[in-house]
Amino acid sequence: MPAGNVIDGRTIARQLQDELAARIAALKARGIQPGLAFVRVGEDPASKVYVGRKEKACSELQLFSETHVLPEAATEMELLAAVARLNADARFHGILVQAPLPSHIRAPKIYSSVLPQKDVDGFHPINAGKLMLGDPTGFLPCTPAGIRELLVRSGVKIAGSEVVVLGRGNIVGKPMAAMLCQKEKNADATVTICHSATRDIKSHCRRADILIAAIGVAEFVKADMVKPGATIVDVGVNRMSDPAAKSGSRLVGDVDFAAVQPVAGKITPNPGGVGPMTIAMLMQNTVRAAEMS
């Protein structure tokens, strides 16, 4: 299999973080210490890992961060009160409420309670609206923004390309489509969103110059769904049974990497593709929030 077509998200994320270092130094010279607050509810193992990786990135960049943990049984009012305290705390330029939240808490209500100027996740309705309108003053959601950065820095042509996004979620699918169809630099694509009710998904996928898989189904994208030479971006995180693994299972993406790689022009690995970019864009949004404060 050709290794040269793999897009290395870790390397590109490090480049982004290196570029942020000068901006952080300039802020500190002005007496501003960028700060990011993490809020986690419960002890979900995956959430603990994700927040830990973000804490590590903050430490590497010398950003101030704190993690606030509420018990699984915390009420919606208790979480709203915690967010309100962080909104009022000048030490924090950004606030991230880690998903998923327990089922008894309405996630949209929580995300809407974060001040838009501290919403470094890009989930607040004001920031979502600015994305739809092409207003650059809002914060872009980290995963779609990271995917676009991956494409640009890997020399993938976006303007005029046929893009297919598998998945219509509010975190990746919808904002990804909105981002790439804007009339602006590093966009201008023709975008199709496919989902569980789409007829003949395979035919849509085979038309794509750029295929972004965020559908949440393990190894859904097979080789016969890919246009030869297309760029494939795998966003999925799925647990698949594997008796050979110590834990009895392993994490896989939405793309059957081994089968698709020989057909693709470029492809992201999973892990090591989109994940590091999501964290890098979170760091970038936090630094930008501090610059705007």
Protein backbone atom coordinates (compact mmCIF):
# COMPACT_ATOMS: atom_id res chain seq x y z
CA MET A 1 0.00 0.00 0.00
CA PRO A 2 1.35 3.45 -0.85
CA ALA A 3 2.27 5.27 2.37
CA GLY A 4 2.79 8.58 0.57
CA ASN A 5 -0.92 9.33 0.30
CA VAL A 6 -1.55 9.45 4.06
CA ILE A 7 -2.31 12.91 5.48
CA ASP A 8 -0.43 13.20 8.78
CA GLY A 9 -2.70 15.15 11.11
CA ARG A 10 -0.24 15.02 13.98
CA THR A 11 2.49 16.79 11.97
CA ILE A 12 0.12 19.48 10.68
CA ALA A 13 -1.29 20.02 14.20
CA ARG A 14 2.25 20.55 15.51
CA GLN A 15 2.85 23.13 12.76
CA LEU A 16 -0.27 24.99 13.85
CA GLN A 17 0.75 24.92 17.49
CA ASP A 18 4.24 26.18 16.61
CA GLU A 19 2.62 29.10 14.79
CA LEU A 20 0.49 29.87 17.84
CA ALA A 21 3.55 30.20 20.08
CA ALA A 22 4.42 33.67 18.74
CA ARG A 23 0.84 34.90 19.22
CA ILE A 24 0.81 33.57 22.79
CA ALA A 25 4.13 35.31 23.50
CA ALA A 26 2.72 38.59 22.15
CA LEU A 27 -0.31 38.27 24.43
CA LYS A 28 1.83 37.58 27.46
CA ALA A 29 3.95 40.64 26.63
CA ARG A 30 0.72 42.63 26.97
CA GLY A 31 0.01 40.99 30.32
CA ILE A 32 -2.64 38.63 28.95
CA GLN A 33 -2.47 34.92 29.88
CA PRO A 34 -4.84 32.97 27.61
CA GLY A 35 -7.09 30.75 29.72
CA LEU A 36 -9.36 27.82 28.90
CA ALA A 37 -11.87 26.15 31.23
CA PHE A 38 -13.00 22.56 30.70
CA VAL A 39 -16.28 21.33 32.16
CA ARG A 40 -16.92 17.61 32.39
CA VAL A 41 -20.03 15.91 33.81
CA GLY A 42 -19.59 12.37 35.11
CA GLU A 43 -16.75 9.90 34.61
CA ASP A 44 -17.24 8.77 31.01
CA PRO A 45 -13.89 7.14 30.10
CA ALA A 46 -13.75 8.60 26.59
CA SER A 47 -14.55 12.10 27.87
CA LYS A 48 -11.76 11.84 30.44
CA VAL A 49 -9.31 10.87 27.69
CA TYR A 50 -10.42 13.70 25.39
CA VAL A 51 -10.19 16.34 28.12
CA GLY A 52 -6.81 14.96 29.16
CA ARG A 53 -5.47 15.43 25.62
CA LYS A 54 -6.74 19.00 25.55
CA GLU A 55 -5.17 19.70 28.95
CA LYS A 56 -1.87 18.36 27.61
CA ALA A 57 -2.03 20.68 24.60
CA CYS A 58 -2.67 23.64 26.92
CA SER A 59 0.35 22.67 29.00
CA GLU A 60 2.58 22.37 25.93
CA LEU A 61 1.56 25.85 24.76
CA GLN A 62 1.69 27.26 28.29
CA LEU A 63 -1.97 28.20 28.27
CA PHE A 64 -3.72 28.47 31.63
CA SER A 65 -6.40 25.80 32.01
CA GLU A 66 -8.64 24.32 34.68
CA THR A 67 -10.96 21.33 34.57
CA HIS A 68 -14.22 21.48 36.49
CA VAL A 69 -15.86 18.10 37.10
CA LEU A 70 -19.49 17.71 38.12
CA PRO A 71 -21.00 14.38 39.25
CA GLU A 72 -23.06 12.32 36.80
CA ALA A 73 -26.18 13.16 38.81
CA ALA A 74 -25.63 16.92 38.61
CA THR A 75 -28.77 18.75 37.55
CA GLU A 76 -29.11 20.98 34.53
CA MET A 77 -29.40 23.98 36.88
CA GLU A 78 -26.15 23.03 38.62
CA LEU A 79 -24.34 22.81 35.28
CA LEU A 80 -25.81 26.14 34.14
CA ALA A 81 -24.62 27.70 37.40
CA ALA A 82 -21.10 26.34 36.83
CA VAL A 83 -21.04 27.78 33.31
CA ALA A 84 -22.30 31.14 34.63
CA ARG A 85 -19.40 31.28 37.10
CA LEU A 86 -16.91 30.61 34.32
CA ASN A 87 -18.58 33.21 32.08
CA ALA A 88 -17.92 35.76 34.82
CA ASP A 89 -14.35 34.63 35.49
CA ALA A 90 -11.93 36.91 33.62
CA ARG A 91 -9.15 34.30 33.84
CA PHE A 92 -10.91 32.25 31.16
CA HIS A 93 -11.14 33.42 27.57
CA GLY A 94 -12.63 30.12 26.45
CA ILE A 95 -15.04 27.56 27.93
CA LEU A 96 -15.48 24.01 26.66
CA VAL A 97 -18.29 21.79 27.94
CA GLN A 98 -17.25 18.26 27.04
CA ALA A 99 -19.75 16.13 25.13
CA PRO A 100 -21.57 13.87 25.59
CA LEU A 101 -23.64 15.18 28.49
CA PRO A 102 -25.88 12.90 30.59
CA SER A 103 -29.29 12.28 29.00
CA HIS A 104 -31.17 14.32 31.62
CA ILE A 105 -29.32 17.50 30.58
CA ARG A 106 -30.36 19.39 27.43
CA ALA A 107 -27.09 19.95 25.58
CA PRO A 108 -28.37 22.83 23.35
CA LYS A 109 -29.43 24.77 26.45
CA ILE A 110 -25.98 24.33 27.99
CA TYR A 111 -24.09 25.31 24.84
CA SER A 112 -26.32 28.38 24.48
CA SER A 113 -25.44 29.45 28.03
CA VAL A 114 -21.73 29.89 27.23
CA LEU A 115 -20.97 33.50 26.29
CA PRO A 116 -20.50 33.68 22.49
CA GLN A 117 -17.13 35.39 22.95
CA LYS A 118 -15.97 32.46 25.12
CA ASP A 119 -17.57 29.75 22.96
CA VAL A 120 -14.33 28.32 21.57
CA ASP A 121 -16.20 25.14 20.55
CA GLY A 122 -18.31 27.15 18.10
CA PHE A 123 -21.61 25.64 19.31
CA HIS A 124 -23.47 28.78 20.44
CA PRO A 125 -26.37 29.72 18.12
CA ILE A 126 -24.75 33.11 17.46
CA ASN A 127 -21.52 31.49 16.27
CA ALA A 128 -23.46 28.88 14.28
CA GLY A 129 -25.41 31.70 12.64
CA LYS A 130 -22.25 33.63 11.82
CA LEU A 131 -20.85 30.51 10.15
CA MET A 132 -23.96 30.17 7.99
CA LEU A 133 -23.77 33.86 7.02
CA GLY A 134 -20.05 33.75 6.27
CA ASP A 135 -19.33 36.23 9.07
CA PRO A 136 -15.65 35.75 10.03
CA THR A 137 -16.05 37.31 13.49
CA GLY A 138 -17.49 34.11 15.00
CA PHE A 139 -15.73 30.99 16.21
CA LEU A 140 -15.71 28.00 13.87
CA PRO A 141 -16.38 24.54 15.36
CA CYS A 142 -13.05 22.83 15.89
CA THR A 143 -13.43 19.57 13.97
CA PRO A 144 -14.74 21.05 10.70
CA ALA A 145 -12.20 23.89 10.92
CA GLY A 146 -9.44 21.33 11.50
CA ILE A 147 -10.56 19.29 8.49
CA ARG A 148 -10.45 22.32 6.23
CA GLU A 149 -6.98 23.17 7.53
CA LEU A 150 -5.87 19.60 6.83
CA LEU A 151 -7.11 19.87 3.26
CA VAL A 152 -5.50 23.25 2.63
CA ARG A 153 -2.13 22.33 4.11
CA SER A 154 -2.11 19.04 2.20
CA GLY A 155 -2.55 20.84 -1.12
CA VAL A 156 -6.08 19.55 -1.75
CA LYS A 157 -8.04 21.77 -4.13
CA ILE A 158 -11.37 22.75 -2.55
CA ALA A 159 -12.73 25.42 -4.91
CA GLY A 160 -14.92 23.84 -7.58
CA SER A 161 -14.55 20.36 -6.09
CA GLU A 162 -17.40 17.94 -5.48
CA VAL A 163 -17.54 17.32 -1.72
CA VAL A 164 -19.70 14.67 -0.10
CA VAL A 165 -20.22 14.84 3.67
CA LEU A 166 -21.52 11.63 5.24
CA GLY A 167 -23.50 12.69 8.30
CA ARG A 168 -25.74 15.65 9.16
CA GLY A 169 -24.78 16.17 12.80
CA ASN A 170 -24.53 19.61 14.36
CA ILE A 171 -20.92 19.08 15.45
CA VAL A 172 -19.38 17.99 12.13
CA GLY A 173 -21.74 17.37 9.20
CA LYS A 174 -23.81 20.55 8.99
CA PRO A 175 -21.04 23.03 9.87
CA MET A 176 -18.61 21.23 7.55
CA ALA A 177 -20.98 21.62 4.63
CA ALA A 178 -21.65 25.27 5.46
CA MET A 179 -17.94 26.01 5.72
CA LEU A 180 -16.95 24.48 2.39
CA CYS A 181 -19.74 26.01 0.32
CA GLN A 182 -19.05 29.61 1.35
CA LYS A 183 -18.02 32.08 -1.33
CA GLU A 184 -14.57 32.65 0.10
CA LYS A 185 -10.97 31.45 0.08
CA ASN A 186 -10.48 27.74 0.86
CA ALA A 187 -14.15 27.02 0.13
CA ASP A 188 -16.32 27.44 -3.02
CA ALA A 189 -17.02 23.70 -3.20
CA THR A 190 -20.19 21.99 -4.38
CA VAL A 191 -21.36 20.11 -1.28
CA THR A 192 -23.75 17.18 -0.86
CA ILE A 193 -24.80 15.95 2.59
CA CYS A 194 -25.74 12.26 2.81
CA HIS A 195 -27.45 10.63 5.79
CA SER A 196 -29.48 7.61 6.87
CA ALA A 197 -32.38 8.47 4.54
CA THR A 198 -30.25 9.12 1.44
CA ARG A 199 -31.03 6.85 -1.49
CA ASP A 200 -28.03 5.11 -3.09
CA ILE A 201 -25.31 6.65 -0.93
CA LYS A 202 -22.68 4.75 -2.93
CA SER A 203 -23.42 6.70 -6.11
CA HIS A 204 -23.05 10.01 -4.27
CA CYS A 205 -19.77 8.94 -2.70
CA ARG A 206 -18.30 7.80 -6.01
CA ARG A 207 -18.88 11.29 -7.42
CA ALA A 208 -16.89 12.98 -4.67
CA ASP A 209 -13.48 14.57 -5.18
CA ILE A 210 -13.43 14.97 -1.39
CA LEU A 211 -15.31 12.51 0.83
CA ILE A 212 -15.71 13.38 4.52
CA ALA A 213 -17.05 10.48 6.61
CA ALA A 214 -18.77 11.48 9.85
CA ILE A 215 -21.64 9.03 9.87
CA GLY A 216 -20.79 7.03 13.00
CA VAL A 217 -20.77 3.57 11.43
CA ALA A 218 -17.62 1.45 11.74
CA GLU A 219 -15.75 1.07 8.43
CA PHE A 220 -18.82 2.17 6.48
CA VAL A 221 -16.87 3.54 3.50
CA LYS A 222 -15.59 0.68 1.31
CA ALA A 223 -13.28 0.78 -1.69
CA ASP A 224 -16.12 0.48 -4.21
CA MET A 225 -17.66 3.68 -2.82
CA VAL A 226 -14.58 5.78 -3.59
CA LYS A 227 -13.71 7.61 -6.77
CA PRO A 228 -10.09 6.71 -7.68
CA GLY A 229 -7.79 9.55 -6.63
CA ALA A 230 -10.32 11.15 -4.26
CA THR A 231 -9.33 12.66 -0.91
CA ILE A 232 -10.86 10.75 2.01
CA VAL A 233 -11.27 12.28 5.48
CA ASP A 234 -12.28 9.90 8.29
CA VAL A 235 -13.92 11.58 11.29
CA GLY A 236 -15.50 8.51 12.87
CA VAL A 237 -14.69 6.99 16.26
CA ASN A 238 -16.33 3.58 16.67
CA ARG A 239 -15.62 0.62 18.92
CA MET A 240 -15.47 -2.72 17.11
CA SER A 241 -15.24 -6.18 18.66
CA ASP A 242 -11.76 -7.70 18.30
CA PRO A 243 -10.99 -10.92 20.22
CA ALA A 244 -7.28 -10.43 19.46
CA ALA A 245 -7.18 -7.12 21.31
CA LYS A 246 -6.39 -7.09 25.02
CA SER A 247 -9.63 -5.22 25.79
CA GLY A 248 -11.67 -7.39 23.42
CA SER A 249 -12.34 -4.44 21.13
CA ARG A 250 -10.57 -1.73 19.14
CA LEU A 251 -11.33 1.75 17.87
CA VAL A 252 -11.91 2.18 14.14
CA GLY A 253 -13.09 5.00 11.92
CA ASP A 254 -15.95 5.32 9.46
CA VAL A 255 -13.61 4.30 6.60
CA ASP A 256 -12.25 0.84 5.87
CA PHE A 257 -8.73 2.24 5.72
CA ALA A 258 -6.91 -0.87 4.49
CA ALA A 259 -9.29 -1.30 1.56
CA VAL A 260 -9.71 2.36 0.68
CA GLN A 261 -6.11 3.61 0.95
CA PRO A 262 -4.91 2.04 -2.34
CA VAL A 263 -7.80 3.70 -4.20
CA ALA A 264 -7.57 7.14 -2.60
CA GLY A 265 -5.42 10.00 -3.78
CA LYS A 266 -5.04 11.19 -0.17
CA ILE A 267 -6.49 9.75 3.03
CA THR A 268 -6.43 10.57 6.74
CA PRO A 269 -5.44 7.79 9.14
CA ASN A 270 -7.53 7.06 12.20
CA PRO A 271 -6.15 7.75 14.75
CA GLY A 272 -3.62 10.42 13.81
CA GLY A 273 -5.69 12.35 11.29
CA VAL A 274 -8.59 14.57 12.32
CA GLY A 275 -8.26 14.18 16.12
CA PRO A 276 -5.03 16.17 16.61
CA MET A 277 -6.37 18.90 14.32
CA THR A 278 -9.51 19.30 16.43
CA ILE A 279 -7.37 20.02 19.47
CA ALA A 280 -5.07 22.38 17.53
CA MET A 281 -8.08 24.41 16.35
CA LEU A 282 -9.39 24.57 19.92
CA MET A 283 -6.06 26.06 20.97
CA GLN A 284 -6.25 28.52 18.06
CA ASN A 285 -9.79 29.59 19.00
CA THR A 286 -8.71 30.13 22.62
CA VAL A 287 -5.76 32.30 21.59
CA ARG A 288 -8.04 34.27 19.28
CA ALA A 289 -10.55 34.75 22.11
CA ALA A 290 -7.75 36.15 24.26
CA GLU A 291 -6.65 38.47 21.44
CA MET A 292 -10.22 39.76 21.15
CA SER A 293 -10.66 40.32 24.90
